[in-house]
N, C-alpha and C. Protein backbone atom coordinates (compact mmCIF):
# COMPACT_ATOMS: atom_id res chain seq x y z
N MET A 1 3.04 15.10 5.95
CA MET A 1 2.64 13.72 6.18
C MET A 1 1.14 13.68 6.43
N THR A 2 0.51 12.66 5.88
CA THR A 2 -0.91 12.44 6.08
C THR A 2 -1.08 11.17 6.90
N HIS A 3 -2.05 11.21 7.81
CA HIS A 3 -2.34 10.06 8.66
C HIS A 3 -3.85 9.81 8.61
N ALA A 4 -4.26 8.60 8.31
CA ALA A 4 -5.68 8.23 8.23
C ALA A 4 -5.85 6.79 8.65
N PRO A 5 -5.95 6.50 9.94
CA PRO A 5 -5.97 5.12 10.41
C PRO A 5 -7.27 4.36 10.17
N TYR A 6 -8.37 5.02 9.92
CA TYR A 6 -9.64 4.32 9.85
C TYR A 6 -10.20 4.30 8.42
N LEU A 7 -9.51 3.59 7.57
CA LEU A 7 -9.95 3.48 6.19
C LEU A 7 -10.88 2.29 6.06
N CYS A 8 -11.93 2.46 5.25
CA CYS A 8 -12.84 1.33 5.04
C CYS A 8 -12.89 0.90 3.59
N SER A 9 -12.09 1.57 2.72
CA SER A 9 -12.07 1.15 1.31
C SER A 9 -10.80 1.65 0.63
N SER A 10 -10.43 0.96 -0.44
CA SER A 10 -9.28 1.41 -1.21
C SER A 10 -9.62 2.71 -1.94
N PHE A 11 -10.89 2.91 -2.28
CA PHE A 11 -11.31 4.17 -2.91
C PHE A 11 -11.03 5.34 -1.96
N GLN A 12 -11.37 5.19 -0.69
CA GLN A 12 -11.10 6.25 0.29
C GLN A 12 -9.60 6.52 0.40
N ALA A 13 -8.81 5.46 0.40
CA ALA A 13 -7.34 5.62 0.46
C ALA A 13 -6.81 6.35 -0.76
N ARG A 14 -7.33 6.03 -1.93
CA ARG A 14 -6.90 6.73 -3.15
C ARG A 14 -7.28 8.20 -3.11
N GLN A 15 -8.47 8.51 -2.59
CA GLN A 15 -8.89 9.90 -2.49
C GLN A 15 -7.98 10.68 -1.55
N ILE A 16 -7.64 10.12 -0.42
CA ILE A 16 -6.70 10.75 0.52
C ILE A 16 -5.35 10.94 -0.15
N THR A 17 -4.91 9.92 -0.87
CA THR A 17 -3.61 10.01 -1.54
C THR A 17 -3.62 11.07 -2.61
N ARG A 18 -4.67 11.14 -3.41
CA ARG A 18 -4.78 12.20 -4.44
C ARG A 18 -4.67 13.58 -3.79
N GLY A 19 -5.36 13.75 -2.69
CA GLY A 19 -5.30 15.04 -1.98
C GLY A 19 -3.89 15.34 -1.50
N PHE A 20 -3.22 14.35 -0.96
CA PHE A 20 -1.83 14.55 -0.52
C PHE A 20 -0.93 14.89 -1.68
N LEU A 21 -1.05 14.16 -2.78
CA LEU A 21 -0.20 14.40 -3.93
C LEU A 21 -0.44 15.80 -4.53
N SER A 22 -1.65 16.30 -4.42
CA SER A 22 -1.96 17.62 -4.96
C SER A 22 -1.28 18.75 -4.19
N THR A 23 -0.78 18.45 -2.98
CA THR A 23 -0.10 19.48 -2.19
C THR A 23 1.39 19.53 -2.47
N LEU A 24 1.90 18.59 -3.24
CA LEU A 24 3.34 18.51 -3.47
C LEU A 24 3.78 19.51 -4.54
N SER A 25 4.94 20.07 -4.33
CA SER A 25 5.49 21.00 -5.32
C SER A 25 6.95 20.67 -5.53
N PRO A 26 7.34 20.31 -6.73
CA PRO A 26 6.50 20.18 -7.93
C PRO A 26 5.61 18.96 -7.83
N PRO A 27 4.49 18.99 -8.54
CA PRO A 27 3.59 17.83 -8.50
C PRO A 27 4.24 16.63 -9.19
N PRO A 28 3.89 15.42 -8.73
CA PRO A 28 4.43 14.25 -9.41
C PRO A 28 3.89 14.11 -10.83
N SER A 29 4.62 13.41 -11.66
CA SER A 29 4.16 13.19 -13.03
C SER A 29 2.88 12.35 -13.01
N PRO A 30 2.10 12.38 -14.09
CA PRO A 30 0.90 11.51 -14.14
C PRO A 30 1.26 10.04 -13.96
N GLU A 31 2.40 9.61 -14.50
CA GLU A 31 2.82 8.21 -14.36
C GLU A 31 3.13 7.86 -12.91
N ALA A 32 3.86 8.77 -12.23
CA ALA A 32 4.19 8.54 -10.82
C ALA A 32 2.93 8.55 -9.96
N THR A 33 2.00 9.44 -10.30
CA THR A 33 0.74 9.50 -9.55
C THR A 33 -0.02 8.18 -9.69
N GLU A 34 -0.12 7.66 -10.88
CA GLU A 34 -0.83 6.39 -11.10
C GLU A 34 -0.14 5.24 -10.38
N THR A 35 1.19 5.25 -10.36
CA THR A 35 1.95 4.21 -9.66
C THR A 35 1.65 4.26 -8.16
N VAL A 36 1.71 5.45 -7.58
CA VAL A 36 1.43 5.60 -6.17
C VAL A 36 -0.01 5.14 -5.85
N LEU A 37 -0.97 5.56 -6.66
CA LEU A 37 -2.35 5.17 -6.42
C LEU A 37 -2.56 3.66 -6.53
N LEU A 38 -1.87 3.02 -7.45
CA LEU A 38 -1.98 1.58 -7.58
C LEU A 38 -1.41 0.86 -6.34
N VAL A 39 -0.25 1.30 -5.88
CA VAL A 39 0.36 0.68 -4.68
C VAL A 39 -0.51 0.89 -3.46
N VAL A 40 -1.02 2.10 -3.28
CA VAL A 40 -1.93 2.37 -2.16
C VAL A 40 -3.14 1.46 -2.24
N SER A 41 -3.75 1.37 -3.39
CA SER A 41 -4.94 0.53 -3.58
C SER A 41 -4.65 -0.91 -3.25
N GLU A 42 -3.55 -1.45 -3.73
CA GLU A 42 -3.21 -2.85 -3.49
C GLU A 42 -2.94 -3.12 -2.02
N LEU A 43 -2.17 -2.25 -1.35
CA LEU A 43 -1.85 -2.47 0.05
C LEU A 43 -3.09 -2.37 0.93
N VAL A 44 -3.94 -1.40 0.67
CA VAL A 44 -5.17 -1.23 1.46
C VAL A 44 -6.13 -2.38 1.19
N THR A 45 -6.28 -2.78 -0.05
CA THR A 45 -7.13 -3.90 -0.40
C THR A 45 -6.69 -5.18 0.31
N ASN A 46 -5.38 -5.41 0.33
CA ASN A 46 -4.86 -6.59 1.01
C ASN A 46 -5.17 -6.56 2.51
N ALA A 47 -5.01 -5.38 3.13
CA ALA A 47 -5.30 -5.27 4.56
C ALA A 47 -6.80 -5.50 4.84
N LEU A 48 -7.64 -5.00 3.95
CA LEU A 48 -9.09 -5.20 4.12
C LEU A 48 -9.50 -6.65 3.86
N ARG A 49 -8.88 -7.26 2.86
CA ARG A 49 -9.26 -8.63 2.47
C ARG A 49 -8.65 -9.70 3.38
N HIS A 50 -7.39 -9.55 3.76
CA HIS A 50 -6.69 -10.63 4.45
C HIS A 50 -6.46 -10.40 5.94
N ALA A 51 -6.75 -9.20 6.42
CA ALA A 51 -6.64 -8.89 7.85
C ALA A 51 -8.01 -8.35 8.25
N SER A 52 -8.10 -7.76 9.39
CA SER A 52 -9.38 -7.22 9.83
C SER A 52 -9.52 -5.75 9.50
N GLY A 53 -8.81 -5.28 8.48
CA GLY A 53 -8.90 -3.91 8.09
C GLY A 53 -7.60 -3.16 8.30
N VAL A 54 -7.63 -1.90 7.95
CA VAL A 54 -6.46 -1.02 8.06
C VAL A 54 -6.40 -0.43 9.45
N THR A 55 -5.25 -0.56 10.11
CA THR A 55 -5.05 0.03 11.44
C THR A 55 -4.22 1.30 11.36
N ASP A 56 -3.42 1.42 10.31
CA ASP A 56 -2.56 2.59 10.13
C ASP A 56 -2.47 2.91 8.65
N PHE A 57 -2.45 4.20 8.33
CA PHE A 57 -2.24 4.64 6.95
C PHE A 57 -1.52 5.97 7.02
N HIS A 58 -0.30 5.99 6.49
CA HIS A 58 0.53 7.22 6.51
C HIS A 58 1.12 7.43 5.12
N LEU A 59 1.19 8.70 4.75
CA LEU A 59 1.87 9.11 3.54
C LEU A 59 2.90 10.14 3.93
N GLY A 60 4.10 10.04 3.35
CA GLY A 60 5.13 11.01 3.61
C GLY A 60 5.95 11.22 2.34
N CYS A 61 6.72 12.29 2.30
CA CYS A 61 7.43 12.59 1.07
C CYS A 61 8.76 13.29 1.38
N THR A 62 9.79 12.89 0.64
CA THR A 62 11.06 13.61 0.61
C THR A 62 11.16 14.23 -0.78
N HIS A 63 12.31 14.72 -1.15
CA HIS A 63 12.45 15.38 -2.46
C HIS A 63 12.10 14.49 -3.63
N SER A 64 12.44 13.22 -3.56
CA SER A 64 12.22 12.38 -4.72
C SER A 64 11.52 11.06 -4.42
N THR A 65 11.07 10.87 -3.18
CA THR A 65 10.46 9.59 -2.80
C THR A 65 9.19 9.82 -1.97
N LEU A 66 8.17 9.06 -2.30
CA LEU A 66 6.96 9.06 -1.52
C LEU A 66 6.93 7.78 -0.69
N THR A 67 6.57 7.88 0.57
CA THR A 67 6.49 6.72 1.46
C THR A 67 5.02 6.45 1.77
N VAL A 68 4.62 5.21 1.59
CA VAL A 68 3.28 4.75 1.93
C VAL A 68 3.43 3.71 3.03
N GLU A 69 2.68 3.89 4.12
CA GLU A 69 2.66 2.88 5.18
C GLU A 69 1.24 2.44 5.41
N VAL A 70 1.04 1.12 5.38
CA VAL A 70 -0.28 0.55 5.64
C VAL A 70 -0.11 -0.53 6.72
N GLY A 71 -0.84 -0.38 7.79
CA GLY A 71 -0.79 -1.35 8.88
C GLY A 71 -2.10 -2.12 9.01
N ASP A 72 -1.98 -3.34 9.50
CA ASP A 72 -3.17 -4.14 9.78
C ASP A 72 -2.90 -4.99 11.02
N SER A 73 -3.91 -5.72 11.45
CA SER A 73 -3.81 -6.48 12.71
C SER A 73 -3.34 -7.91 12.53
N SER A 74 -2.97 -8.30 11.33
CA SER A 74 -2.53 -9.68 11.08
C SER A 74 -1.01 -9.74 11.04
N SER A 75 -0.45 -10.75 11.69
CA SER A 75 1.00 -10.97 11.63
C SER A 75 1.41 -11.85 10.46
N VAL A 76 0.45 -12.30 9.66
CA VAL A 76 0.74 -13.13 8.51
C VAL A 76 1.35 -12.26 7.42
N LEU A 77 2.52 -12.70 6.95
CA LEU A 77 3.23 -11.93 5.92
C LEU A 77 2.60 -12.15 4.54
N PRO A 78 2.67 -11.15 3.66
CA PRO A 78 2.17 -11.34 2.31
C PRO A 78 2.94 -12.47 1.63
N ALA A 79 2.22 -13.23 0.82
CA ALA A 79 2.84 -14.37 0.13
C ALA A 79 2.61 -14.22 -1.36
N GLU A 80 3.62 -14.62 -2.12
CA GLU A 80 3.49 -14.61 -3.57
C GLU A 80 2.99 -15.97 -4.00
N ARG A 81 2.12 -15.94 -4.96
CA ARG A 81 1.67 -17.20 -5.56
C ARG A 81 2.58 -17.53 -6.71
N VAL A 82 2.82 -18.80 -6.89
CA VAL A 82 3.65 -19.26 -7.97
C VAL A 82 2.82 -19.24 -9.26
N PRO A 83 3.41 -18.74 -10.37
CA PRO A 83 2.64 -18.77 -11.62
C PRO A 83 2.16 -20.18 -11.91
N GLY A 84 0.93 -20.27 -12.35
CA GLY A 84 0.35 -21.57 -12.65
C GLY A 84 -0.35 -22.19 -11.45
N SER A 85 -0.26 -21.53 -10.25
CA SER A 85 -0.90 -22.10 -9.07
C SER A 85 -2.29 -21.54 -8.84
N PHE A 86 -2.77 -20.75 -9.78
CA PHE A 86 -4.08 -20.11 -9.59
C PHE A 86 -5.20 -21.09 -9.92
N ASP A 87 -6.12 -21.13 -9.06
CA ASP A 87 -7.30 -22.00 -9.18
C ASP A 87 -8.47 -21.07 -9.49
N GLU A 88 -9.41 -21.53 -10.26
CA GLU A 88 -10.54 -20.68 -10.62
C GLU A 88 -11.30 -20.23 -9.40
N ALA A 89 -11.28 -20.99 -8.31
CA ALA A 89 -12.01 -20.60 -7.09
C ALA A 89 -11.27 -19.53 -6.28
N GLU A 90 -10.00 -19.33 -6.56
CA GLU A 90 -9.24 -18.37 -5.79
C GLU A 90 -9.40 -16.97 -6.37
N ASN A 91 -9.41 -15.99 -5.51
CA ASN A 91 -9.47 -14.59 -5.93
C ASN A 91 -8.15 -13.94 -5.61
N GLY A 92 -7.65 -13.13 -6.53
CA GLY A 92 -6.49 -12.32 -6.22
C GLY A 92 -5.18 -13.04 -6.35
N GLY A 93 -4.21 -12.50 -5.63
CA GLY A 93 -2.86 -13.05 -5.66
C GLY A 93 -1.94 -12.24 -6.55
N PHE A 94 -2.44 -11.19 -7.17
CA PHE A 94 -1.62 -10.40 -8.08
C PHE A 94 -1.07 -9.11 -7.44
N GLY A 95 -1.71 -8.65 -6.38
CA GLY A 95 -1.36 -7.36 -5.80
C GLY A 95 0.04 -7.29 -5.20
N TRP A 96 0.43 -8.30 -4.44
CA TRP A 96 1.73 -8.25 -3.80
C TRP A 96 2.87 -8.23 -4.82
N PRO A 97 2.86 -9.03 -5.87
CA PRO A 97 3.92 -8.93 -6.88
C PRO A 97 3.95 -7.55 -7.53
N ILE A 98 2.78 -6.94 -7.74
CA ILE A 98 2.73 -5.59 -8.31
C ILE A 98 3.42 -4.61 -7.39
N VAL A 99 3.09 -4.65 -6.10
CA VAL A 99 3.70 -3.75 -5.12
C VAL A 99 5.20 -3.97 -5.08
N ARG A 100 5.64 -5.21 -5.05
CA ARG A 100 7.07 -5.49 -5.00
C ARG A 100 7.78 -4.97 -6.24
N HIS A 101 7.16 -5.04 -7.38
CA HIS A 101 7.76 -4.55 -8.62
C HIS A 101 7.85 -3.01 -8.65
N LEU A 102 6.83 -2.34 -8.17
CA LEU A 102 6.77 -0.89 -8.29
C LEU A 102 7.53 -0.12 -7.21
N ALA A 103 7.67 -0.71 -6.03
CA ALA A 103 8.33 -0.03 -4.93
C ALA A 103 9.85 -0.08 -5.12
N SER A 104 10.53 1.04 -4.84
CA SER A 104 11.99 1.04 -4.89
C SER A 104 12.58 0.40 -3.64
N ASP A 105 11.81 0.39 -2.56
CA ASP A 105 12.21 -0.23 -1.30
C ASP A 105 10.93 -0.64 -0.57
N LEU A 106 10.96 -1.81 0.05
CA LEU A 106 9.77 -2.33 0.68
C LEU A 106 10.20 -2.99 1.99
N THR A 107 9.55 -2.62 3.09
CA THR A 107 9.86 -3.25 4.38
C THR A 107 8.57 -3.66 5.06
N ILE A 108 8.66 -4.72 5.86
CA ILE A 108 7.53 -5.18 6.66
C ILE A 108 8.02 -5.24 8.09
N ARG A 109 7.33 -4.52 8.97
CA ARG A 109 7.67 -4.52 10.40
C ARG A 109 6.55 -5.22 11.17
N LEU A 110 6.88 -6.28 11.89
CA LEU A 110 5.92 -6.93 12.73
C LEU A 110 5.83 -6.17 14.06
N ARG A 111 4.64 -6.00 14.57
CA ARG A 111 4.41 -5.30 15.83
C ARG A 111 4.48 -6.28 16.99
N HIS A 112 4.91 -5.78 18.13
CA HIS A 112 5.02 -6.63 19.33
C HIS A 112 3.66 -7.12 19.80
N ASN A 113 2.63 -6.32 19.60
CA ASN A 113 1.29 -6.67 20.06
C ASN A 113 0.45 -7.34 18.95
N GLY A 114 1.09 -7.73 17.87
CA GLY A 114 0.42 -8.35 16.77
C GLY A 114 0.19 -7.39 15.62
N GLY A 115 0.11 -7.91 14.45
CA GLY A 115 -0.08 -7.08 13.27
C GLY A 115 1.24 -6.70 12.63
N LYS A 116 1.14 -5.93 11.59
CA LYS A 116 2.32 -5.53 10.83
C LYS A 116 2.09 -4.19 10.17
N ILE A 117 3.18 -3.56 9.77
CA ILE A 117 3.14 -2.34 8.98
C ILE A 117 4.00 -2.61 7.75
N ILE A 118 3.40 -2.38 6.58
CA ILE A 118 4.14 -2.49 5.32
C ILE A 118 4.46 -1.09 4.85
N GLN A 119 5.72 -0.84 4.59
CA GLN A 119 6.18 0.48 4.15
C GLN A 119 6.79 0.34 2.75
N ALA A 120 6.23 1.12 1.83
CA ALA A 120 6.69 1.10 0.43
C ALA A 120 7.22 2.50 0.09
N HIS A 121 8.42 2.52 -0.50
CA HIS A 121 9.00 3.77 -0.98
C HIS A 121 8.89 3.78 -2.50
N LEU A 122 8.36 4.87 -3.02
CA LEU A 122 8.10 4.99 -4.48
C LEU A 122 8.76 6.23 -5.01
N PRO A 123 9.49 6.11 -6.10
CA PRO A 123 10.12 7.29 -6.71
C PRO A 123 9.07 8.21 -7.30
N LEU A 124 9.32 9.51 -7.14
CA LEU A 124 8.41 10.50 -7.74
C LEU A 124 9.01 11.08 -8.99
């Protein structure tokens, strides 16, 4: 398991994730690796953009599943935008649907002292 609570960019999170994936035996397929990196990037970007940053970052692995946990200090749940609701002045709105599509299981835990942890399980 890898723990890195003080992330300041999705690039940093992807680098940590690449390092973690390189320790797995057997290594994940290139497709699984890209999927994991995309989910990590989207979750970390959302925490940086919509909360006050990442408060928790954990990676774990079982035989066939990688678990990504990203925490932030906002209790606001991710929201999906309805197709056609995008305004030219708005940025984003695509990350959460991507994460929901790619994760085999997704949970959101609200913390008692505020904030949340999003946990995504991804097949390897």
